[in-house]
Amino acid sequence: MRVDRLFRREELALDPVELARLLLGAVLEAETAEGTVGVRLVEVEAYRGLDDPASHCYRGKTPRNAVMWGPAGHLYVYFVYGMHFCANVVGTEDGLPGAVLLRAGEVVEGAGLVRARRPNARGNGELAKGPAILTSVLGLDRHWNGADLTDPASPVRLRIGERVPADRIRVGPRVGVAMAMDTPWRFWVDGSPAVSTYRRGGKRRPVRPAG
């Protein structure tokens, strides 16, 4: 069942691993001068703070990662490889760092605008597949870092979507991290064509149902 309202801040103030599961099926919508795009989240990755070597917050608070320290419900946008932006939903309690990377989504609003932004996409499953592509089709960049996803007046908002049944949630290692490579904190919706292919740089790792 879909509840057509924004998430409240207290609903997102969770450990990133728990928050990652909650975000599957949620709808992130971004309103820009070109129009509004909405995507249903189907793949996410959890990142904690000082106890997670793969986290941006592992070595402490910096101007770059300050948003990740809370409060919950804000958007953390960072620049990577000198060319891409990636977006995260901040969780946990205020002052305790943690966020969930948004890896892939299915377009549910603004398909025409998305196709204009992604003219070479081979099918619907390719429109928002991968964290950098997801951010680009939503029209998000560093300007939106810190946006309050729980505020109805915010141009970037996070809506409760149709809940994903537990038996359709899968879990496995995170993608492309240099540390804590085998930590199983990537979650995705089984069967979605938008889910990215797992790449570790070695042999493909087994995955198991989330339980």
Protein backbone atom coordinates (compact mmCIF):
# COMPACT_ATOMS: atom_id res chain seq x y z
CA MET A 1 0.00 0.00 0.00
CA ARG A 2 1.31 3.44 -0.90
CA VAL A 3 0.93 6.30 1.57
CA ASP A 4 0.92 9.55 -0.39
CA ARG A 5 2.85 11.81 1.96
CA LEU A 6 6.41 12.88 2.66
CA PHE A 7 8.53 11.05 5.18
CA ARG A 8 8.76 12.74 8.56
CA ARG A 9 12.21 13.43 9.94
CA GLU A 10 11.77 11.07 12.87
CA GLU A 11 10.89 8.25 10.48
CA LEU A 12 14.28 8.62 8.79
CA ALA A 13 16.32 8.91 12.00
CA LEU A 14 17.44 5.28 11.80
CA ASP A 15 20.65 3.32 11.62
CA PRO A 16 21.68 3.46 7.93
CA VAL A 17 21.28 -0.29 7.49
CA GLU A 18 17.70 -0.13 8.73
CA LEU A 19 17.05 3.05 6.76
CA ALA A 20 18.31 1.43 3.55
CA ARG A 21 15.59 -1.22 3.70
CA LEU A 22 12.96 1.43 4.43
CA LEU A 23 13.96 3.50 1.40
CA LEU A 24 13.34 0.71 -1.11
CA GLY A 25 10.09 1.62 -2.85
CA ALA A 26 10.20 5.24 -1.67
CA VAL A 27 9.85 7.98 -4.29
CA LEU A 28 12.42 10.76 -4.60
CA GLU A 29 11.15 13.72 -6.58
CA ALA A 30 13.13 16.73 -7.76
CA GLU A 31 11.62 19.94 -9.09
CA THR A 32 13.87 22.02 -11.35
CA ALA A 33 13.30 24.80 -13.89
CA GLU A 34 12.88 22.12 -16.56
CA GLY A 35 10.18 20.21 -14.72
CA THR A 36 9.69 17.54 -12.06
CA VAL A 37 11.16 14.04 -12.10
CA GLY A 38 10.24 11.27 -9.69
CA VAL A 39 12.01 7.95 -9.25
CA ARG A 40 11.05 4.90 -7.21
CA LEU A 41 14.16 3.74 -5.38
CA VAL A 42 15.14 0.13 -6.13
CA GLU A 43 18.81 -0.04 -5.09
CA VAL A 44 20.59 1.60 -2.15
CA GLU A 45 23.73 1.23 -0.02
CA ALA A 46 24.15 1.92 3.69
CA TYR A 47 27.13 3.81 5.10
CA ARG A 48 27.67 4.34 8.80
CA GLY A 49 30.24 6.71 10.31
CA LEU A 50 33.23 6.24 12.54
CA ASP A 51 32.93 2.44 12.54
CA ASP A 52 32.65 2.09 8.73
CA PRO A 53 35.98 2.35 6.84
CA ALA A 54 34.10 2.88 3.55
CA SER A 55 32.20 5.91 4.89
CA HIS A 56 33.11 9.53 4.13
CA CYS A 57 32.81 10.14 7.89
CA TYR A 58 35.23 7.43 8.99
CA ARG A 59 38.04 9.91 9.71
CA GLY A 60 35.81 12.54 11.29
CA LYS A 61 33.78 15.58 10.40
CA THR A 62 34.86 17.83 7.52
CA PRO A 63 33.20 20.61 5.50
CA ARG A 64 32.54 18.04 2.76
CA ASN A 65 30.71 15.50 4.91
CA ALA A 66 29.11 17.86 7.45
CA VAL A 67 25.56 17.18 6.21
CA MET A 68 26.07 13.47 6.87
CA TRP A 69 26.23 14.19 10.60
CA GLY A 70 22.54 15.10 10.70
CA PRO A 71 19.87 15.91 11.35
CA ALA A 72 18.17 13.09 9.48
CA GLY A 73 16.11 13.68 6.37
CA HIS A 74 18.56 15.86 4.49
CA LEU A 75 20.19 15.21 1.13
CA TYR A 76 23.95 14.67 1.08
CA VAL A 77 25.38 15.29 -2.40
CA TYR A 78 29.05 14.78 -3.19
CA PHE A 79 31.26 15.05 -6.27
CA VAL A 80 33.22 11.97 -7.34
CA TYR A 81 35.87 11.20 -9.98
CA GLY A 82 35.91 14.86 -10.96
CA MET A 83 32.77 14.46 -13.07
CA HIS A 84 29.78 12.92 -11.25
CA PHE A 85 27.44 13.77 -8.38
CA CYS A 86 25.98 11.14 -6.06
CA ALA A 87 23.05 11.61 -3.67
CA ASN A 88 22.40 10.17 -0.21
CA VAL A 89 19.63 10.32 2.37
CA VAL A 90 20.97 11.19 5.83
CA GLY A 91 19.76 9.03 8.71
CA THR A 92 20.65 8.40 12.38
CA GLU A 93 20.29 10.84 15.26
CA ASP A 94 21.61 14.39 14.99
CA GLY A 95 25.38 14.35 15.59
CA LEU A 96 25.82 10.67 14.77
CA PRO A 97 26.94 10.29 11.13
CA GLY A 98 25.35 7.95 8.61
CA ALA A 99 23.60 8.00 5.25
CA VAL A 100 22.23 5.82 2.47
CA LEU A 101 23.58 6.13 -1.07
CA LEU A 102 20.86 6.10 -3.74
CA ARG A 103 22.09 3.74 -6.45
CA ALA A 104 19.18 3.21 -8.83
CA GLY A 105 15.52 3.95 -9.43
CA GLU A 106 12.59 3.41 -11.75
CA VAL A 107 11.15 6.60 -13.28
CA VAL A 108 7.56 7.20 -12.18
CA GLU A 109 7.19 10.89 -13.10
CA GLY A 110 8.65 13.11 -15.80
CA ALA A 111 9.62 10.36 -18.22
CA GLY A 112 9.79 12.78 -21.15
CA LEU A 113 12.25 15.03 -19.34
CA VAL A 114 14.30 12.03 -18.26
CA ARG A 115 14.57 10.78 -21.84
CA ALA A 116 15.75 14.22 -22.91
CA ARG A 117 18.44 14.03 -20.27
CA ARG A 118 19.28 10.41 -21.15
CA PRO A 119 18.73 10.20 -24.95
CA ASN A 120 21.00 7.18 -25.34
CA ALA A 121 19.29 4.99 -22.74
CA ARG A 122 18.41 1.63 -24.30
CA GLY A 123 15.23 1.07 -22.28
CA ASN A 124 13.27 2.13 -19.22
CA GLY A 125 15.52 0.11 -16.96
CA GLU A 126 18.54 2.15 -18.07
CA LEU A 127 17.03 5.59 -17.36
CA ALA A 128 18.15 5.87 -13.72
CA LYS A 129 20.53 2.92 -13.34
CA GLY A 130 23.60 3.76 -11.28
CA PRO A 131 24.14 6.48 -8.64
CA ALA A 132 25.61 9.12 -10.97
CA ILE A 133 22.92 8.57 -13.61
CA LEU A 134 20.17 8.66 -10.98
CA THR A 135 21.40 12.02 -9.76
CA SER A 136 21.77 13.45 -13.27
CA VAL A 137 18.25 12.52 -14.40
CA LEU A 138 16.87 14.16 -11.27
CA GLY A 139 18.85 17.30 -12.11
CA LEU A 140 20.73 17.26 -8.81
CA ASP A 141 24.19 18.67 -8.17
CA ARG A 142 26.14 20.14 -5.25
CA HIS A 143 23.68 23.06 -5.09
CA TRP A 144 21.16 20.65 -3.54
CA ASN A 145 23.50 19.42 -0.80
CA GLY A 146 21.66 19.80 2.50
CA ALA A 147 18.15 20.00 0.97
CA ASP A 148 15.46 19.03 3.48
CA LEU A 149 13.64 16.04 1.97
CA THR A 150 10.89 16.22 4.61
CA ASP A 151 9.87 19.83 3.85
CA PRO A 152 6.88 20.19 1.48
CA ALA A 153 8.36 23.50 0.25
CA SER A 154 11.68 21.90 -0.69
CA PRO A 155 12.33 21.33 -4.42
CA VAL A 156 13.67 17.86 -3.54
CA ARG A 157 11.31 15.65 -1.55
CA LEU A 158 11.09 12.05 -0.36
CA ARG A 159 7.69 10.37 -0.44
CA ILE A 160 6.59 7.13 1.11
CA GLY A 161 6.02 4.65 -1.70
CA GLU A 162 4.53 1.23 -1.99
CA ARG A 163 6.27 -1.03 0.52
CA VAL A 164 8.52 -3.68 -1.00
CA PRO A 165 7.69 -7.18 0.33
CA ALA A 166 10.51 -8.68 2.39
CA ASP A 167 10.84 -11.64 0.04
CA ARG A 168 11.71 -9.29 -2.84
CA ILE A 169 14.54 -7.54 -1.01
CA ARG A 170 18.04 -8.81 -1.70
CA VAL A 171 21.29 -7.93 0.07
CA GLY A 172 24.95 -8.18 -0.88
CA PRO A 173 28.31 -6.37 -0.74
CA ARG A 174 28.59 -2.71 -1.64
CA VAL A 175 29.87 -1.74 -5.08
CA GLY A 176 33.25 -0.21 -5.89
CA VAL A 177 34.46 0.55 -2.35
CA ALA A 178 38.14 0.21 -1.46
CA MET A 179 37.50 -0.69 2.19
CA ALA A 180 35.03 -3.08 3.87
CA MET A 181 34.39 -4.58 0.43
CA ASP A 182 32.49 -7.60 1.72
CA THR A 183 30.18 -5.75 4.09
CA PRO A 184 26.64 -6.74 2.93
CA TRP A 185 25.02 -3.32 3.07
CA ARG A 186 23.71 -3.01 -0.48
CA PHE A 187 19.97 -3.63 -0.79
CA TRP A 188 17.89 -3.94 -3.93
CA VAL A 189 14.50 -4.99 -5.28
CA ASP A 190 14.73 -8.40 -6.87
CA GLY A 191 13.66 -8.40 -10.52
CA SER A 192 13.94 -4.66 -11.15
CA PRO A 193 15.66 -3.94 -14.49
CA ALA A 194 17.15 -0.76 -13.01
CA VAL A 195 19.38 -2.57 -10.51
CA SER A 196 23.05 -2.26 -11.39
CA THR A 197 25.44 -5.13 -12.04
CA TYR A 198 27.66 -5.97 -9.08
CA ARG A 199 31.36 -5.26 -9.67
CA ARG A 200 33.96 -5.84 -7.01
CA GLY A 201 37.11 -6.09 -9.07
CA GLY A 202 37.34 -9.81 -8.37
CA LYS A 203 35.08 -12.83 -8.51
CA ARG A 204 31.35 -12.22 -8.30
CA ARG A 205 30.22 -12.62 -4.70
CA PRO A 206 27.14 -14.64 -3.72
CA VAL A 207 24.06 -12.80 -2.57
CA ARG A 208 21.34 -13.91 -0.18
CA PRO A 209 17.80 -12.85 0.62
CA ALA A 210 17.51 -10.09 3.21
CA GLY A 211 16.25 -11.49 6.47
